[in-house]
C-alpha cells in the first residue's frame, strides 16, 4: 500500500499537466462560488417584486454552485486522464 501512494505522489509530482488541472479546478471552483455570491448579494428588486428577491437569490446561488461543481469535476477528470497517461509514460 505504501508503494501505491508513493507511485501516485511521484506521478503527480512529475506531471505538470496533472498539477495544473488540479490547481485550476480548485481555483475555478472557489472563484465561481465567490463571484456568484457577490453577484447574488447585490441583486435588489424594487416595488412589488421585493418579495421574490429571496427566492431568486436562492435559485441563483444554487445555479452558481452547480456550475462551480461542474468546473471542479471536469478539471479533476482532466487531471485523472493526464495522470493515467503520464503514469504509463513514467512506469
N, C-alpha and C. Protein backbone atom coordinates (compact mmCIF):
# COMPACT_ATOMS: atom_id res chain seq x y z
N UNK A 1 0.83 -1.19 0.00
CA UNK A 1 0.00 0.00 0.00
C UNK A 1 0.87 1.26 0.00
N UNK A 2 1.99 1.19 0.69
CA UNK A 2 2.89 2.34 0.76
C UNK A 2 3.47 2.65 -0.63
N UNK A 3 3.77 1.61 -1.39
CA UNK A 3 4.33 1.81 -2.73
C UNK A 3 3.29 2.43 -3.66
N UNK A 4 2.03 2.07 -3.47
CA UNK A 4 0.96 2.59 -4.30
C UNK A 4 0.83 4.11 -4.12
N UNK A 5 0.84 4.58 -2.88
CA UNK A 5 0.75 6.01 -2.62
C UNK A 5 2.00 6.73 -3.08
N UNK A 6 3.15 6.09 -2.93
CA UNK A 6 4.39 6.69 -3.40
C UNK A 6 4.36 6.85 -4.92
N UNK A 7 3.81 5.87 -5.60
CA UNK A 7 3.69 5.94 -7.06
C UNK A 7 2.77 7.08 -7.48
N UNK A 8 1.63 7.21 -6.79
CA UNK A 8 0.69 8.29 -7.11
C UNK A 8 1.34 9.65 -6.90
N UNK A 9 2.00 9.83 -5.77
CA UNK A 9 2.64 11.11 -5.48
C UNK A 9 3.78 11.40 -6.44
N UNK A 10 4.52 10.36 -6.86
CA UNK A 10 5.61 10.55 -7.80
C UNK A 10 5.09 11.01 -9.15
N UNK A 11 4.04 10.38 -9.63
CA UNK A 11 3.49 10.74 -10.94
C UNK A 11 2.91 12.16 -10.90
N UNK A 12 2.21 12.50 -9.82
CA UNK A 12 1.67 13.85 -9.69
C UNK A 12 2.79 14.89 -9.60
N UNK A 13 3.86 14.56 -8.89
CA UNK A 13 4.98 15.48 -8.76
C UNK A 13 5.69 15.71 -10.09
N UNK A 14 5.71 14.71 -10.94
CA UNK A 14 6.42 14.83 -12.22
C UNK A 14 5.54 15.37 -13.34
N UNK A 15 4.23 15.29 -13.20
CA UNK A 15 3.31 15.68 -14.27
C UNK A 15 2.80 17.10 -14.05
N UNK A 16 3.27 18.01 -14.86
CA UNK A 16 2.83 19.41 -14.75
C UNK A 16 1.38 19.59 -15.19
N UNK A 17 0.94 18.83 -16.19
CA UNK A 17 -0.45 18.95 -16.65
C UNK A 17 -1.43 18.52 -15.56
N UNK A 18 -1.09 17.45 -14.86
CA UNK A 18 -1.96 16.99 -13.78
C UNK A 18 -2.01 18.02 -12.66
N UNK A 19 -0.87 18.58 -12.32
CA UNK A 19 -0.82 19.60 -11.27
C UNK A 19 -1.67 20.81 -11.66
N UNK A 20 -1.53 21.26 -12.90
CA UNK A 20 -2.29 22.43 -13.34
C UNK A 20 -3.78 22.15 -13.37
N UNK A 21 -4.17 20.95 -13.77
CA UNK A 21 -5.60 20.61 -13.81
C UNK A 21 -6.19 20.61 -12.41
N UNK A 22 -5.47 20.07 -11.45
CA UNK A 22 -5.96 20.05 -10.06
C UNK A 22 -6.06 21.47 -9.51
N UNK A 23 -5.02 22.25 -9.73
CA UNK A 23 -5.00 23.63 -9.21
C UNK A 23 -6.09 24.48 -9.86
N UNK A 24 -6.21 24.39 -11.19
CA UNK A 24 -7.24 25.18 -11.88
C UNK A 24 -8.64 24.77 -11.47
N UNK A 25 -8.85 23.48 -11.20
CA UNK A 25 -10.15 23.04 -10.71
C UNK A 25 -10.52 23.70 -9.40
N UNK A 26 -9.57 23.74 -8.49
CA UNK A 26 -9.83 24.36 -7.18
C UNK A 26 -10.02 25.87 -7.32
N UNK A 27 -9.18 26.52 -8.14
CA UNK A 27 -9.28 27.97 -8.33
C UNK A 27 -10.62 28.35 -8.97
N UNK A 28 -11.02 27.63 -10.02
CA UNK A 28 -12.28 27.93 -10.67
C UNK A 28 -13.46 27.66 -9.74
N UNK A 29 -13.40 26.60 -8.94
CA UNK A 29 -14.48 26.31 -8.00
C UNK A 29 -14.65 27.45 -7.01
N UNK A 30 -13.56 27.87 -6.41
CA UNK A 30 -13.62 28.96 -5.43
C UNK A 30 -14.01 30.27 -6.10
N UNK A 31 -13.43 30.54 -7.27
CA UNK A 31 -13.72 31.79 -7.98
C UNK A 31 -15.17 31.90 -8.40
N UNK A 32 -15.72 30.84 -8.98
CA UNK A 32 -17.12 30.88 -9.41
C UNK A 32 -18.04 31.01 -8.20
N UNK A 33 -17.72 30.34 -7.11
CA UNK A 33 -18.55 30.45 -5.90
C UNK A 33 -18.52 31.87 -5.35
N UNK A 34 -17.35 32.48 -5.31
CA UNK A 34 -17.24 33.84 -4.77
C UNK A 34 -17.91 34.86 -5.68
N UNK A 35 -17.73 34.74 -6.98
CA UNK A 35 -18.37 35.66 -7.91
C UNK A 35 -19.89 35.51 -7.85
N UNK A 36 -20.36 34.28 -7.76
CA UNK A 36 -21.80 34.05 -7.66
C UNK A 36 -22.38 34.64 -6.40
N UNK A 37 -21.69 34.48 -5.28
CA UNK A 37 -22.17 35.06 -4.02
C UNK A 37 -22.20 36.58 -4.10
N UNK A 38 -21.15 37.16 -4.69
CA UNK A 38 -21.09 38.61 -4.81
C UNK A 38 -22.21 39.14 -5.69
N UNK A 39 -22.41 38.51 -6.84
CA UNK A 39 -23.44 38.99 -7.76
C UNK A 39 -24.84 38.79 -7.18
N UNK A 40 -25.06 37.69 -6.49
CA UNK A 40 -26.39 37.45 -5.91
C UNK A 40 -26.66 38.37 -4.73
N UNK A 41 -25.63 38.74 -3.99
CA UNK A 41 -25.85 39.62 -2.84
C UNK A 41 -26.18 41.05 -3.28
N UNK A 42 -25.73 41.44 -4.46
CA UNK A 42 -26.01 42.79 -4.95
C UNK A 42 -27.32 42.89 -5.72
N UNK A 43 -28.05 41.81 -5.82
CA UNK A 43 -29.32 41.80 -6.54
C UNK A 43 -30.41 42.38 -5.64
N UNK A 44 -31.06 43.43 -6.13
CA UNK A 44 -32.12 44.06 -5.36
C UNK A 44 -33.29 44.36 -6.28
N UNK A 45 -34.47 43.95 -5.86
CA UNK A 45 -35.69 44.25 -6.58
C UNK A 45 -36.39 45.41 -5.89
N UNK A 46 -37.19 46.13 -6.66
CA UNK A 46 -37.93 47.24 -6.06
C UNK A 46 -39.42 47.07 -6.35
N UNK A 47 -40.18 47.71 -5.56
CA UNK A 47 -41.63 47.70 -5.76
C UNK A 47 -42.27 46.40 -5.33
N UNK A 48 -43.19 45.94 -6.14
CA UNK A 48 -43.96 44.76 -5.77
C UNK A 48 -43.17 43.45 -5.92
N UNK A 49 -42.03 43.50 -6.57
CA UNK A 49 -41.22 42.30 -6.76
C UNK A 49 -40.24 42.04 -5.60
N UNK A 50 -40.23 42.92 -4.61
CA UNK A 50 -39.29 42.77 -3.49
C UNK A 50 -39.48 41.44 -2.76
N UNK A 51 -40.66 40.91 -2.74
CA UNK A 51 -40.94 39.65 -2.07
C UNK A 51 -40.27 38.46 -2.75
N UNK A 52 -40.03 38.57 -4.03
CA UNK A 52 -39.40 37.48 -4.79
C UNK A 52 -37.87 37.47 -4.69
N UNK A 53 -37.32 38.50 -4.08
CA UNK A 53 -35.86 38.65 -4.04
C UNK A 53 -35.17 37.47 -3.39
N UNK A 54 -35.67 37.00 -2.26
CA UNK A 54 -35.03 35.89 -1.55
C UNK A 54 -35.09 34.60 -2.36
N UNK A 55 -36.21 34.37 -3.02
CA UNK A 55 -36.35 33.15 -3.81
C UNK A 55 -35.42 33.17 -5.01
N UNK A 56 -35.31 34.30 -5.67
CA UNK A 56 -34.46 34.40 -6.85
C UNK A 56 -32.99 34.28 -6.45
N UNK A 57 -32.61 34.90 -5.36
CA UNK A 57 -31.22 34.82 -4.89
C UNK A 57 -30.87 33.38 -4.55
N UNK A 58 -31.77 32.68 -3.90
CA UNK A 58 -31.51 31.27 -3.58
C UNK A 58 -31.33 30.41 -4.81
N UNK A 59 -32.16 30.63 -5.81
CA UNK A 59 -32.04 29.86 -7.06
C UNK A 59 -30.75 30.20 -7.80
N UNK A 60 -30.39 31.47 -7.80
CA UNK A 60 -29.13 31.86 -8.45
C UNK A 60 -27.92 31.25 -7.75
N UNK A 61 -27.95 31.23 -6.43
CA UNK A 61 -26.84 30.64 -5.69
C UNK A 61 -26.71 29.14 -5.97
N UNK A 62 -27.86 28.46 -6.09
CA UNK A 62 -27.82 27.03 -6.43
C UNK A 62 -27.23 26.83 -7.82
N UNK A 63 -27.58 27.68 -8.77
CA UNK A 63 -27.03 27.57 -10.12
C UNK A 63 -25.53 27.80 -10.12
N UNK A 64 -25.08 28.82 -9.41
CA UNK A 64 -23.65 29.09 -9.34
C UNK A 64 -22.92 27.92 -8.67
N UNK A 65 -23.51 27.33 -7.66
CA UNK A 65 -22.89 26.17 -7.01
C UNK A 65 -22.79 24.99 -7.97
N UNK A 66 -23.82 24.77 -8.77
CA UNK A 66 -23.79 23.67 -9.74
C UNK A 66 -22.72 23.91 -10.80
N UNK A 67 -22.61 25.14 -11.27
CA UNK A 67 -21.59 25.46 -12.28
C UNK A 67 -20.20 25.30 -11.69
N UNK A 68 -20.00 25.74 -10.45
CA UNK A 68 -18.70 25.61 -9.80
C UNK A 68 -18.34 24.14 -9.60
N UNK A 69 -19.30 23.34 -9.19
CA UNK A 69 -19.05 21.92 -9.01
C UNK A 69 -18.77 21.23 -10.35
N UNK A 70 -19.47 21.63 -11.39
CA UNK A 70 -19.22 21.07 -12.72
C UNK A 70 -17.80 21.42 -13.19
N UNK A 71 -17.36 22.64 -12.94
CA UNK A 71 -16.00 23.03 -13.31
C UNK A 71 -14.98 22.21 -12.53
N UNK A 72 -15.21 22.02 -11.24
CA UNK A 72 -14.28 21.24 -10.41
C UNK A 72 -14.20 19.80 -10.89
N UNK A 73 -15.35 19.19 -11.14
CA UNK A 73 -15.36 17.79 -11.57
C UNK A 73 -14.70 17.65 -12.94
N UNK A 74 -14.98 18.57 -13.86
CA UNK A 74 -14.41 18.44 -15.20
C UNK A 74 -12.89 18.62 -15.18
N UNK A 75 -12.39 19.54 -14.37
CA UNK A 75 -10.94 19.70 -14.27
C UNK A 75 -10.31 18.48 -13.61
N UNK A 76 -10.98 17.87 -12.63
CA UNK A 76 -10.40 16.70 -11.98
C UNK A 76 -10.47 15.47 -12.88
N UNK A 77 -11.46 15.39 -13.75
CA UNK A 77 -11.48 14.31 -14.75
C UNK A 77 -10.32 14.50 -15.71
N UNK A 78 -10.07 15.74 -16.11
CA UNK A 78 -8.91 16.02 -16.95
C UNK A 78 -7.61 15.66 -16.24
N UNK A 79 -7.53 15.95 -14.95
CA UNK A 79 -6.33 15.60 -14.18
C UNK A 79 -6.15 14.09 -14.11
N UNK A 80 -7.24 13.36 -13.96
CA UNK A 80 -7.14 11.90 -13.92
C UNK A 80 -6.68 11.34 -15.26
N UNK A 81 -7.19 11.90 -16.36
CA UNK A 81 -6.75 11.46 -17.68
C UNK A 81 -5.27 11.74 -17.88
N UNK A 82 -4.83 12.91 -17.48
CA UNK A 82 -3.40 13.25 -17.60
C UNK A 82 -2.57 12.35 -16.69
N UNK A 83 -3.08 12.05 -15.51
CA UNK A 83 -2.37 11.17 -14.59
C UNK A 83 -2.18 9.78 -15.20
N UNK A 84 -3.24 9.23 -15.77
CA UNK A 84 -3.14 7.89 -16.37
C UNK A 84 -2.16 7.87 -17.53
N UNK A 85 -2.19 8.90 -18.36
CA UNK A 85 -1.27 8.97 -19.50
C UNK A 85 0.18 9.09 -19.00
N UNK A 86 0.41 9.93 -18.01
CA UNK A 86 1.76 10.10 -17.51
C UNK A 86 2.23 8.90 -16.69
N UNK A 87 1.31 8.22 -16.04
CA UNK A 87 1.67 7.00 -15.30
C UNK A 87 2.20 5.95 -16.26
N UNK A 88 1.53 5.78 -17.39
CA UNK A 88 2.01 4.83 -18.39
C UNK A 88 3.34 5.26 -18.98
N UNK A 89 3.55 6.56 -19.09
CA UNK A 89 4.80 7.07 -19.64
C UNK A 89 5.96 6.91 -18.65
N UNK A 90 5.70 7.16 -17.36
CA UNK A 90 6.78 7.09 -16.37
C UNK A 90 7.08 5.66 -15.93
N UNK A 91 6.08 4.80 -15.89
CA UNK A 91 6.33 3.43 -15.42
C UNK A 91 6.37 2.53 -16.56
